[in-house]
């Protein structure tokens, strides 16, 4: 969890909204601890998203969610894992295979 907090602390926000989001994420980690990584934390929890483009950046991979009946990029819940990059890559394997 410390590595995740450090990565968020070191992130340089692009704008005011990202600065607020950064502070919110750090607050969630401090307040909820490890629970911030599981979907059972209904007040808020970490998820990942990943955009996959073709070589020319003219197309993006999307998936259709049957529950929401909508198209979206790939992603999912952290499910207790602090390495959010690995979570995003796992979601690619699960949703795009």
N, C-alpha and C. Protein backbone atom coordinates (compact mmCIF):
# COMPACT_ATOMS: atom_id res chain seq x y z
N UNK A 1 0.82 -1.19 0.00
CA UNK A 1 0.00 0.00 0.00
C UNK A 1 0.87 1.26 0.00
N UNK A 2 2.04 1.16 0.62
CA UNK A 2 2.94 2.32 0.65
C UNK A 2 3.41 2.72 -0.74
N UNK A 3 3.68 1.72 -1.59
CA UNK A 3 4.13 2.03 -2.94
C UNK A 3 3.03 2.77 -3.72
N UNK A 4 1.79 2.35 -3.56
CA UNK A 4 0.67 3.01 -4.23
C UNK A 4 0.54 4.44 -3.73
N UNK A 5 0.62 4.65 -2.41
CA UNK A 5 0.54 6.00 -1.86
C UNK A 5 1.67 6.87 -2.40
N UNK A 6 2.86 6.32 -2.48
CA UNK A 6 4.00 7.08 -2.99
C UNK A 6 3.80 7.47 -4.46
N UNK A 7 3.29 6.54 -5.25
CA UNK A 7 3.04 6.84 -6.67
C UNK A 7 2.02 7.96 -6.81
N UNK A 8 0.98 7.92 -6.01
CA UNK A 8 -0.05 8.96 -6.08
C UNK A 8 0.52 10.29 -5.60
N UNK A 9 1.27 10.27 -4.49
CA UNK A 9 1.88 11.50 -3.99
C UNK A 9 2.79 12.14 -5.03
N UNK A 10 3.54 11.33 -5.76
CA UNK A 10 4.50 11.84 -6.74
C UNK A 10 3.86 12.28 -8.06
N UNK A 11 2.59 11.94 -8.25
CA UNK A 11 1.91 12.30 -9.49
C UNK A 11 1.73 13.81 -9.57
N UNK A 12 2.07 14.38 -10.71
CA UNK A 12 1.91 15.82 -10.95
C UNK A 12 0.58 16.05 -11.69
N UNK A 13 -0.41 16.60 -11.00
CA UNK A 13 -1.72 16.82 -11.63
C UNK A 13 -1.64 17.73 -12.85
N UNK A 14 -2.44 17.41 -13.84
CA UNK A 14 -2.52 18.17 -15.08
C UNK A 14 -3.36 19.43 -14.90
N UNK A 15 -4.36 19.35 -14.01
CA UNK A 15 -5.26 20.49 -13.81
C UNK A 15 -5.85 20.42 -12.40
N UNK A 16 -6.74 21.35 -12.09
CA UNK A 16 -7.32 21.42 -10.75
C UNK A 16 -8.14 20.18 -10.41
N UNK A 17 -8.86 19.64 -11.39
CA UNK A 17 -9.66 18.44 -11.12
C UNK A 17 -8.76 17.27 -10.74
N UNK A 18 -7.67 17.09 -11.47
CA UNK A 18 -6.75 16.01 -11.12
C UNK A 18 -6.12 16.23 -9.74
N UNK A 19 -5.87 17.48 -9.38
CA UNK A 19 -5.33 17.77 -8.05
C UNK A 19 -6.33 17.36 -6.97
N UNK A 20 -7.61 17.66 -7.20
CA UNK A 20 -8.65 17.24 -6.25
C UNK A 20 -8.77 15.72 -6.20
N UNK A 21 -8.72 15.08 -7.37
CA UNK A 21 -8.80 13.62 -7.42
C UNK A 21 -7.64 12.99 -6.67
N UNK A 22 -6.45 13.55 -6.85
CA UNK A 22 -5.26 13.04 -6.17
C UNK A 22 -5.45 13.10 -4.65
N UNK A 23 -5.91 14.24 -4.15
CA UNK A 23 -6.14 14.38 -2.71
C UNK A 23 -7.21 13.41 -2.22
N UNK A 24 -8.25 13.22 -3.02
CA UNK A 24 -9.32 12.28 -2.65
C UNK A 24 -8.78 10.85 -2.55
N UNK A 25 -7.95 10.46 -3.51
CA UNK A 25 -7.38 9.11 -3.48
C UNK A 25 -6.52 8.91 -2.24
N UNK A 26 -5.68 9.90 -1.94
CA UNK A 26 -4.84 9.79 -0.74
C UNK A 26 -5.68 9.74 0.51
N UNK A 27 -6.77 10.51 0.56
CA UNK A 27 -7.66 10.48 1.71
C UNK A 27 -8.28 9.10 1.87
N UNK A 28 -8.76 8.52 0.76
CA UNK A 28 -9.38 7.19 0.83
C UNK A 28 -8.40 6.16 1.37
N UNK A 29 -7.16 6.23 0.92
CA UNK A 29 -6.16 5.28 1.41
C UNK A 29 -5.94 5.47 2.91
N UNK A 30 -5.83 6.72 3.35
CA UNK A 30 -5.60 6.98 4.78
C UNK A 30 -6.81 6.55 5.61
N UNK A 31 -8.00 6.85 5.13
CA UNK A 31 -9.21 6.58 5.91
C UNK A 31 -9.60 5.10 5.88
N UNK A 32 -9.58 4.49 4.70
CA UNK A 32 -10.05 3.11 4.56
C UNK A 32 -8.93 2.07 4.58
N UNK A 33 -7.69 2.49 4.40
CA UNK A 33 -6.57 1.54 4.39
C UNK A 33 -6.74 0.52 3.28
N UNK A 34 -6.46 -0.72 3.59
CA UNK A 34 -6.54 -1.81 2.60
C UNK A 34 -7.95 -1.98 2.03
N UNK A 35 -8.96 -1.56 2.78
CA UNK A 35 -10.34 -1.68 2.31
C UNK A 35 -10.60 -0.84 1.06
N UNK A 36 -9.76 0.17 0.84
CA UNK A 36 -9.92 1.02 -0.35
C UNK A 36 -9.64 0.25 -1.63
N UNK A 37 -9.14 -0.96 -1.50
CA UNK A 37 -8.80 -1.78 -2.66
C UNK A 37 -9.83 -2.86 -2.96
N UNK A 38 -10.90 -2.92 -2.20
CA UNK A 38 -11.89 -3.98 -2.43
C UNK A 38 -13.26 -3.39 -2.73
N UNK A 39 -13.98 -4.04 -3.60
CA UNK A 39 -15.28 -3.53 -4.05
C UNK A 39 -16.33 -3.51 -2.95
N UNK A 40 -16.11 -4.24 -1.86
CA UNK A 40 -17.05 -4.23 -0.74
C UNK A 40 -17.05 -2.88 -0.01
N UNK A 41 -16.03 -2.06 -0.25
CA UNK A 41 -15.97 -0.71 0.33
C UNK A 41 -16.85 0.19 -0.53
N UNK A 42 -18.11 0.27 -0.18
CA UNK A 42 -19.10 0.94 -1.02
C UNK A 42 -18.93 2.46 -1.06
N UNK A 43 -18.26 3.02 -0.08
CA UNK A 43 -18.03 4.47 -0.09
C UNK A 43 -17.06 4.89 -1.19
N UNK A 44 -16.24 3.95 -1.64
CA UNK A 44 -15.28 4.23 -2.70
C UNK A 44 -14.16 3.20 -2.66
N UNK A 45 -13.67 2.83 -3.81
CA UNK A 45 -12.58 1.88 -3.89
C UNK A 45 -11.87 2.04 -5.23
N UNK A 46 -10.65 1.53 -5.29
CA UNK A 46 -9.84 1.71 -6.49
C UNK A 46 -10.23 0.74 -7.59
N UNK A 47 -10.26 1.29 -8.78
CA UNK A 47 -10.47 0.50 -9.99
C UNK A 47 -9.41 0.92 -11.00
N UNK A 48 -9.33 0.20 -12.10
CA UNK A 48 -8.38 0.56 -13.15
C UNK A 48 -9.11 0.66 -14.47
N UNK A 49 -8.52 1.39 -15.37
CA UNK A 49 -9.00 1.47 -16.74
C UNK A 49 -7.79 1.45 -17.66
N UNK A 50 -7.99 0.94 -18.85
CA UNK A 50 -6.89 0.89 -19.80
C UNK A 50 -7.46 1.11 -21.20
N UNK A 51 -6.80 1.96 -21.95
CA UNK A 51 -7.15 2.20 -23.35
C UNK A 51 -6.11 1.52 -24.22
N UNK A 52 -6.57 0.74 -25.16
CA UNK A 52 -5.66 0.03 -26.07
C UNK A 52 -5.93 0.52 -27.48
N UNK A 53 -4.91 1.12 -28.08
CA UNK A 53 -5.02 1.66 -29.43
C UNK A 53 -4.30 0.76 -30.43
N UNK A 54 -4.71 0.84 -31.69
CA UNK A 54 -3.96 0.17 -32.74
C UNK A 54 -2.67 0.96 -33.00
N UNK A 55 -1.81 0.41 -33.82
CA UNK A 55 -0.50 1.00 -34.08
C UNK A 55 -0.59 2.44 -34.58
N UNK A 56 -1.59 2.74 -35.40
CA UNK A 56 -1.74 4.08 -35.98
C UNK A 56 -2.54 5.05 -35.09
N UNK A 57 -2.99 4.55 -33.96
CA UNK A 57 -3.83 5.34 -33.05
C UNK A 57 -5.10 5.85 -33.72
N UNK A 58 -5.64 5.04 -34.60
CA UNK A 58 -6.89 5.40 -35.28
C UNK A 58 -8.08 4.60 -34.75
N UNK A 59 -7.81 3.59 -33.94
CA UNK A 59 -8.87 2.76 -33.38
C UNK A 59 -8.53 2.44 -31.94
N UNK A 60 -9.58 2.22 -31.15
CA UNK A 60 -9.41 1.84 -29.75
C UNK A 60 -10.24 0.58 -29.48
N UNK A 61 -9.71 -0.30 -28.67
CA UNK A 61 -10.42 -1.52 -28.32
C UNK A 61 -11.47 -1.22 -27.26
N UNK A 62 -12.70 -1.59 -27.53
CA UNK A 62 -13.80 -1.40 -26.60
C UNK A 62 -14.45 -2.76 -26.34
N UNK A 63 -15.19 -2.86 -25.25
CA UNK A 63 -15.93 -4.09 -24.98
C UNK A 63 -17.37 -3.71 -24.63
N UNK A 64 -18.27 -4.63 -24.92
CA UNK A 64 -19.69 -4.41 -24.65
C UNK A 64 -20.03 -5.07 -23.32
N UNK A 65 -20.54 -4.27 -22.38
CA UNK A 65 -20.92 -4.80 -21.07
C UNK A 65 -22.40 -5.17 -21.10
N UNK A 66 -22.67 -6.45 -20.91
CA UNK A 66 -24.04 -6.94 -20.97
C UNK A 66 -24.91 -6.37 -19.86
N UNK A 67 -24.35 -6.20 -18.67
CA UNK A 67 -25.14 -5.69 -17.54
C UNK A 67 -25.56 -4.24 -17.80
N UNK A 68 -24.60 -3.41 -18.20
CA UNK A 68 -24.88 -1.99 -18.43
C UNK A 68 -25.46 -1.71 -19.81
N UNK A 69 -25.37 -2.72 -20.68
CA UNK A 69 -25.81 -2.57 -22.07
C UNK A 69 -25.16 -1.34 -22.73
N UNK A 70 -23.84 -1.28 -22.60
CA UNK A 70 -23.11 -0.16 -23.18
C UNK A 70 -21.68 -0.58 -23.53
N UNK A 71 -21.08 0.19 -24.43
CA UNK A 71 -19.69 -0.01 -24.82
C UNK A 71 -18.79 0.78 -23.89
N UNK A 72 -17.63 0.23 -23.58
CA UNK A 72 -16.70 0.91 -22.69
C UNK A 72 -15.27 0.43 -22.96
N UNK A 73 -14.32 1.17 -22.41
CA UNK A 73 -12.94 0.71 -22.44
C UNK A 73 -12.80 -0.40 -21.42
N UNK A 74 -11.65 -1.04 -21.37
CA UNK A 74 -11.43 -2.16 -20.46
C UNK A 74 -11.02 -1.67 -19.08
N UNK A 75 -11.33 -2.44 -18.08
CA UNK A 75 -10.95 -2.08 -16.72
C UNK A 75 -11.73 -2.88 -15.71
N UNK A 76 -11.42 -2.65 -14.45
CA UNK A 76 -12.12 -3.38 -13.41
C UNK A 76 -11.63 -3.02 -12.02
N UNK A 77 -12.10 -3.77 -11.04
CA UNK A 77 -11.81 -3.54 -9.63
C UNK A 77 -10.43 -4.04 -9.25
N UNK A 78 -9.80 -3.35 -8.29
CA UNK A 78 -8.46 -3.74 -7.82
C UNK A 78 -8.50 -5.08 -7.08
N UNK A 79 -9.62 -5.38 -6.42
CA UNK A 79 -9.78 -6.64 -5.68
C UNK A 79 -8.61 -6.94 -4.75
N UNK A 80 -8.17 -5.90 -4.02
CA UNK A 80 -7.14 -6.09 -3.01
C UNK A 80 -5.71 -5.98 -3.51
N UNK A 81 -5.51 -5.76 -4.78
CA UNK A 81 -4.17 -5.70 -5.35
C UNK A 81 -3.73 -4.24 -5.44
N UNK A 82 -2.55 -3.93 -4.88
CA UNK A 82 -2.06 -2.56 -4.89
C UNK A 82 -1.36 -2.19 -6.20
N UNK A 83 -0.91 -3.16 -6.96
CA UNK A 83 -0.25 -2.89 -8.24
C UNK A 83 -1.32 -2.71 -9.31
N UNK A 84 -1.78 -1.47 -9.47
CA UNK A 84 -2.91 -1.21 -10.36
C UNK A 84 -2.58 -1.46 -11.83
N UNK A 85 -1.31 -1.37 -12.20
CA UNK A 85 -0.93 -1.68 -13.58
C UNK A 85 -1.18 -3.16 -13.86
N UNK A 86 -0.83 -4.02 -12.91
CA UNK A 86 -1.07 -5.45 -13.11
C UNK A 86 -2.56 -5.75 -13.15
N UNK A 87 -3.35 -4.99 -12.39
CA UNK A 87 -4.81 -5.17 -12.41
C UNK A 87 -5.34 -4.82 -13.80
N UNK A 88 -4.87 -3.71 -14.37
CA UNK A 88 -5.32 -3.30 -15.70
C UNK A 88 -4.95 -4.35 -16.74
N UNK A 89 -3.74 -4.88 -16.65
CA UNK A 89 -3.31 -5.91 -17.61
C UNK A 89 -4.10 -7.20 -17.43
N UNK A 90 -4.45 -7.53 -16.20
CA UNK A 90 -5.30 -8.71 -15.94
C UNK A 90 -6.67 -8.52 -16.59
N UNK A 91 -7.20 -7.31 -16.48
CA UNK A 91 -8.50 -7.03 -17.07
C UNK A 91 -8.46 -7.17 -18.59
N UNK A 92 -7.37 -6.80 -19.21
CA UNK A 92 -7.22 -6.99 -20.65
C UNK A 92 -7.32 -8.47 -20.99
N UNK A 93 -6.60 -9.28 -20.22
CA UNK A 93 -6.64 -10.73 -20.45
C UNK A 93 -8.05 -11.28 -20.27
N UNK A 94 -8.74 -10.83 -19.23
CA UNK A 94 -10.08 -11.34 -18.96
C UNK A 94 -11.12 -10.87 -19.97
N UNK A 95 -11.05 -9.60 -20.34
CA UNK A 95 -12.13 -9.01 -21.14
C UNK A 95 -11.89 -9.05 -22.65
N UNK A 96 -10.64 -9.17 -23.05
CA UNK A 96 -10.34 -9.11 -24.50
C UNK A 96 -9.92 -10.46 -25.07
N UNK A 97 -9.92 -11.46 -24.28
CA UNK A 97 -9.50 -12.80 -24.78
C UNK A 97 -10.66 -13.53 -25.40
